Protein backbone atom coordinates (compact mmCIF):
# COMPACT_ATOMS: atom_id res chain seq x y z
CA UNK A 1 -27.16 62.99 -30.31
CA UNK A 2 -26.84 62.63 -26.36
CA UNK A 3 -28.65 59.61 -24.96
CA UNK A 4 -31.89 60.58 -23.28
CA UNK A 5 -33.47 59.04 -20.17
CA UNK A 6 -34.78 55.38 -21.06
CA UNK A 7 -38.48 55.19 -21.39
CA UNK A 8 -40.94 52.66 -22.83
CA UNK A 9 -42.86 55.29 -24.75
CA UNK A 10 -40.32 57.09 -27.38
CA UNK A 11 -40.17 57.45 -30.96
CA UNK A 12 -38.71 53.97 -32.03
CA UNK A 13 -41.01 51.92 -29.47
CA UNK A 14 -43.90 54.00 -30.80
CA UNK A 15 -42.91 52.81 -34.27
CA UNK A 16 -42.78 49.33 -33.08
CA UNK A 17 -46.17 49.43 -31.39
CA UNK A 18 -47.63 50.83 -34.74
CA UNK A 19 -45.97 47.99 -36.56
CA UNK A 20 -47.83 45.59 -34.13
CA UNK A 21 -51.25 47.22 -35.03
CA UNK A 22 -50.30 46.75 -38.75
CA UNK A 23 -49.40 43.05 -38.60
CA UNK A 24 -52.49 42.44 -36.45
CA UNK A 25 -54.60 44.05 -39.07
CA UNK A 26 -53.06 42.10 -41.84
CA UNK A 27 -53.93 38.93 -40.35
CA UNK A 28 -57.74 39.89 -41.10
CA UNK A 29 -56.85 39.60 -45.18
CA UNK A 30 -54.21 37.05 -45.85
CA UNK A 31 -56.62 34.37 -46.71
CA UNK A 32 -58.50 36.07 -49.69
CA UNK A 33 -57.11 39.67 -50.05
CA UNK A 34 -53.45 39.40 -50.84
CA UNK A 35 -52.95 42.82 -51.94
CA UNK A 36 -54.48 44.17 -48.73
CA UNK A 37 -52.22 41.79 -46.68
CA UNK A 38 -49.30 42.79 -48.57
CA UNK A 39 -49.55 46.43 -48.01
CA UNK A 40 -49.95 46.39 -44.52
CA UNK A 41 -47.26 43.57 -44.06
CA UNK A 42 -44.81 45.66 -46.12
CA UNK A 43 -45.62 48.80 -44.53
CA UNK A 44 -44.51 47.06 -41.44
CA UNK A 45 -41.39 45.77 -42.59
CA UNK A 46 -40.48 49.38 -43.82
CA UNK A 47 -41.11 50.80 -40.59
CA UNK A 48 -38.81 48.01 -38.96
CA UNK A 49 -36.05 49.53 -41.09
CA UNK A 50 -36.59 52.93 -39.64
CA UNK A 51 -37.04 52.45 -35.84
CA UNK A 52 -33.19 51.99 -35.28
CA UNK A 53 -32.00 54.74 -37.28
CA UNK A 54 -34.62 57.13 -35.55
CA UNK A 55 -33.53 55.77 -32.03
CA UNK A 56 -29.90 56.63 -32.79
CA UNK A 57 -30.71 59.95 -34.36
CA UNK A 58 -32.72 60.87 -31.19
CA UNK A 59 -30.61 59.27 -28.78
CA UNK A 60 -33.50 56.95 -27.65
CA UNK A 61 -31.89 53.65 -28.09
CA UNK A 62 -32.96 51.44 -24.93
CA UNK A 63 -32.45 47.90 -23.94
CA UNK A 64 -36.15 47.62 -23.79
CA UNK A 65 -36.55 48.92 -27.37
CA UNK A 66 -33.95 46.45 -28.82
CA UNK A 67 -35.73 43.56 -27.01
CA UNK A 68 -39.21 44.76 -28.15
CA UNK A 69 -38.02 45.08 -31.75
CA UNK A 70 -36.41 41.67 -32.08
CA UNK A 71 -39.16 39.95 -30.23
CA UNK A 72 -41.82 41.60 -32.73
CA UNK A 73 -39.41 40.80 -35.69
CA UNK A 74 -39.74 37.08 -34.45
CA UNK A 75 -43.59 37.55 -34.16
CA UNK A 76 -43.83 38.77 -37.62
CA UNK A 77 -41.82 35.97 -39.36
CA UNK A 78 -43.43 33.44 -37.20
CA UNK A 79 -46.91 34.51 -38.77
CA UNK A 80 -45.31 34.48 -42.23
CA UNK A 81 -44.30 31.01 -41.97
CA UNK A 82 -47.31 29.60 -40.48
CA UNK A 83 -49.24 31.26 -43.29
CA UNK A 84 -47.05 29.74 -45.77
CA UNK A 85 -47.42 26.41 -44.09
CA UNK A 86 -51.21 26.84 -44.66
CA UNK A 87 -50.70 27.69 -48.45
CA UNK A 88 -48.27 24.96 -48.97
CA UNK A 89 -48.98 22.03 -46.46
CA UNK A 90 -46.62 19.68 -48.57
CA UNK A 91 -43.68 22.14 -47.34
CA UNK A 92 -44.74 22.17 -43.83
CA UNK A 93 -41.40 20.72 -42.19
CA UNK A 94 -39.44 23.16 -44.57
CA UNK A 95 -41.14 26.23 -42.81
CA UNK A 96 -40.96 24.66 -39.38
CA UNK A 97 -37.37 24.22 -40.07
CA UNK A 98 -36.78 27.83 -41.12
CA UNK A 99 -38.94 29.02 -38.11
CA UNK A 100 -37.15 26.80 -35.59
CA UNK A 101 -33.71 28.15 -36.51
CA UNK A 102 -35.17 31.78 -36.80
CA UNK A 103 -36.36 31.72 -33.20
CA UNK A 104 -33.60 29.55 -31.82
CA UNK A 105 -31.02 31.64 -33.30
CA UNK A 106 -32.02 35.13 -32.38
CA UNK A 107 -33.05 34.04 -28.93
CA UNK A 108 -29.97 32.31 -27.79
CA UNK A 109 -27.88 35.18 -29.41
CA UNK A 110 -30.00 37.84 -27.47
CA UNK A 111 -29.91 35.82 -24.20
CA UNK A 112 -26.00 35.57 -24.42
CA UNK A 113 -25.67 39.33 -25.16
CA UNK A 114 -27.75 39.95 -21.96
CA UNK A 115 -25.42 37.54 -19.98
CA UNK A 116 -22.38 39.17 -21.06
CA UNK A 117 -23.78 42.69 -20.82
CA UNK A 118 -23.59 43.54 -24.61
CA UNK A 119 -26.10 46.27 -25.24
CA UNK A 120 -25.93 45.80 -29.03
CA UNK A 121 -26.78 42.28 -30.37
CA UNK A 122 -25.27 43.48 -33.77
CA UNK A 123 -21.79 43.94 -32.41
CA UNK A 124 -20.05 40.69 -33.48
CA UNK A 125 -16.36 39.52 -32.63
CA UNK A 126 -14.67 36.62 -34.06
CA UNK A 127 -17.43 34.65 -36.22
CA UNK A 128 -16.59 35.69 -39.79
CA UNK A 129 -19.90 35.31 -41.45
CA UNK A 130 -21.83 36.93 -38.70
CA UNK A 131 -19.64 39.62 -38.66
CA UNK A 132 -19.64 40.21 -42.28
CA UNK A 133 -23.52 40.17 -42.21
CA UNK A 134 -23.97 42.57 -39.30
CA UNK A 135 -21.19 45.07 -40.39
CA UNK A 136 -21.71 45.19 -43.94
CA UNK A 137 -25.15 47.28 -43.88
CA UNK A 138 -25.67 47.14 -47.60
CA UNK A 139 -25.39 43.05 -47.40
CA UNK A 140 -27.49 43.18 -44.34
CA UNK A 141 -30.19 45.23 -45.79
CA UNK A 142 -30.05 43.21 -49.13
CA UNK A 143 -30.38 40.02 -47.28
CA UNK A 144 -33.38 41.15 -45.16
CA UNK A 145 -35.02 42.28 -48.51
CA UNK A 146 -34.49 39.26 -50.27
CA UNK A 147 -35.60 37.12 -47.38
CA UNK A 148 -38.83 39.05 -47.09
CA UNK A 149 -39.17 38.84 -51.04
CA UNK A 150 -38.64 35.36 -51.11
CA UNK A 151 -41.47 34.40 -48.74
CA UNK A 152 -43.98 37.11 -49.94
CA UNK A 153 -43.37 35.83 -53.26
CA UNK A 154 -44.53 32.56 -52.46
CA UNK A 155 -47.32 33.83 -50.80
CA UNK A 156 -48.38 35.79 -53.73
CA UNK A 157 -47.76 32.95 -56.09
CA UNK A 158 -50.50 30.78 -54.10
CA UNK A 159 -53.03 33.08 -55.61
CA UNK A 160 -51.81 32.90 -59.30
CA UNK A 161 -52.65 30.28 -61.84
CA UNK A 162 -49.58 28.41 -63.51
CA UNK A 163 -48.26 30.19 -66.89
CA UNK A 164 -49.83 33.60 -66.20
CA UNK A 165 -47.74 36.53 -66.26
CA UNK A 166 -48.10 37.20 -62.46
CA UNK A 167 -47.03 33.46 -61.75
CA UNK A 168 -43.89 34.00 -63.91
CA UNK A 169 -42.97 37.24 -62.11
CA UNK A 170 -43.50 35.55 -58.66
CA UNK A 171 -41.27 32.49 -59.66
CA UNK A 172 -38.65 34.98 -60.87
CA UNK A 173 -38.72 36.74 -57.49
CA UNK A 174 -38.64 33.62 -55.59
CA UNK A 175 -35.64 32.14 -57.37
CA UNK A 176 -33.77 35.69 -57.73
CA UNK A 177 -34.28 36.42 -54.10
CA UNK A 178 -33.13 32.82 -53.01
CA UNK A 179 -29.41 33.06 -52.67
CA UNK A 180 -29.52 36.07 -50.08
CA UNK A 181 -32.65 34.62 -48.51
CA UNK A 182 -31.08 31.33 -47.79
CA UNK A 183 -27.73 33.14 -46.61
CA UNK A 184 -29.88 35.41 -44.35
CA UNK A 185 -31.45 31.77 -42.97
CA UNK A 186 -28.14 30.55 -42.56
CA UNK A 187 -27.25 33.28 -40.31
CA UNK A 188 -30.14 32.50 -38.06
CA UNK A 189 -28.41 29.00 -37.54
CA UNK A 190 -25.04 30.58 -37.01
CA UNK A 191 -26.19 32.85 -34.46
CA UNK A 192 -27.18 29.79 -32.26
CA UNK A 193 -23.63 28.25 -32.53
CA UNK A 194 -21.73 31.43 -32.00
CA UNK A 195 -23.80 32.22 -29.00
CA UNK A 196 -23.28 28.55 -27.64
CA UNK A 197 -19.50 29.03 -28.10
CA UNK A 198 -19.43 32.41 -26.45
CA UNK A 199 -21.55 31.21 -23.35
CA UNK A 200 -19.36 28.14 -23.01
CA UNK A 201 -16.24 30.31 -22.88
CA UNK A 202 -17.93 32.61 -20.47
CA UNK A 203 -18.96 29.81 -18.20
CA UNK A 204 -15.23 28.49 -18.30
CA UNK A 205 -13.84 31.89 -17.79
CA UNK A 206 -16.03 32.42 -14.50
CA UNK A 207 -15.09 28.97 -13.14
CA UNK A 208 -11.33 29.55 -13.63
CA UNK A 209 -11.80 33.03 -12.07
CA UNK A 210 -13.28 31.64 -8.88
CA UNK A 211 -10.89 28.80 -8.94
CA UNK A 212 -7.81 31.27 -8.80
CA UNK A 213 -9.74 33.36 -5.81
CA UNK A 214 -10.19 30.31 -3.39
């Protein structure tokens, strides 16, 4: 569909605003009502999978929308890591490490895209693993699902008793989702190095161009 005039209030951005409400509401239940929390959190994640498609379908993809969606994704995962660090205090450094690279990787990648004028941060050239991740939609979708399943299963497992059927199911989901979840975490780290390389090359090109013009 032909692109429409950019505006903050449109269909995909309204979905993201609604996701904010769902996530903030889920905060009220994470301590002692896991099913309430999971229902609201998963609903927010499912809507995240829809807003991009709706933006493209109705020609309402905007720079603000891409920024807002990416920013809220980081807010969502940050809350998830913080919540799990409370549930599993012995693994605080692990969750901090994952959070650090999640934020740093996405921020640096989006920042470089804005400097270079790339409207789509999912368009990758050169770096094989990132290119494969962003261009192979089934792989990207499966990685995101496994990433969420890994951490949400850890959350749910904190409410179960060792040896119970629910505990066994949670452990199965944790280990089953682990390979693609860690692959997704690796892409967050790779984004930083990919962005750093692009920015350094861009700066050299700008310097050389100015030197020639003198």
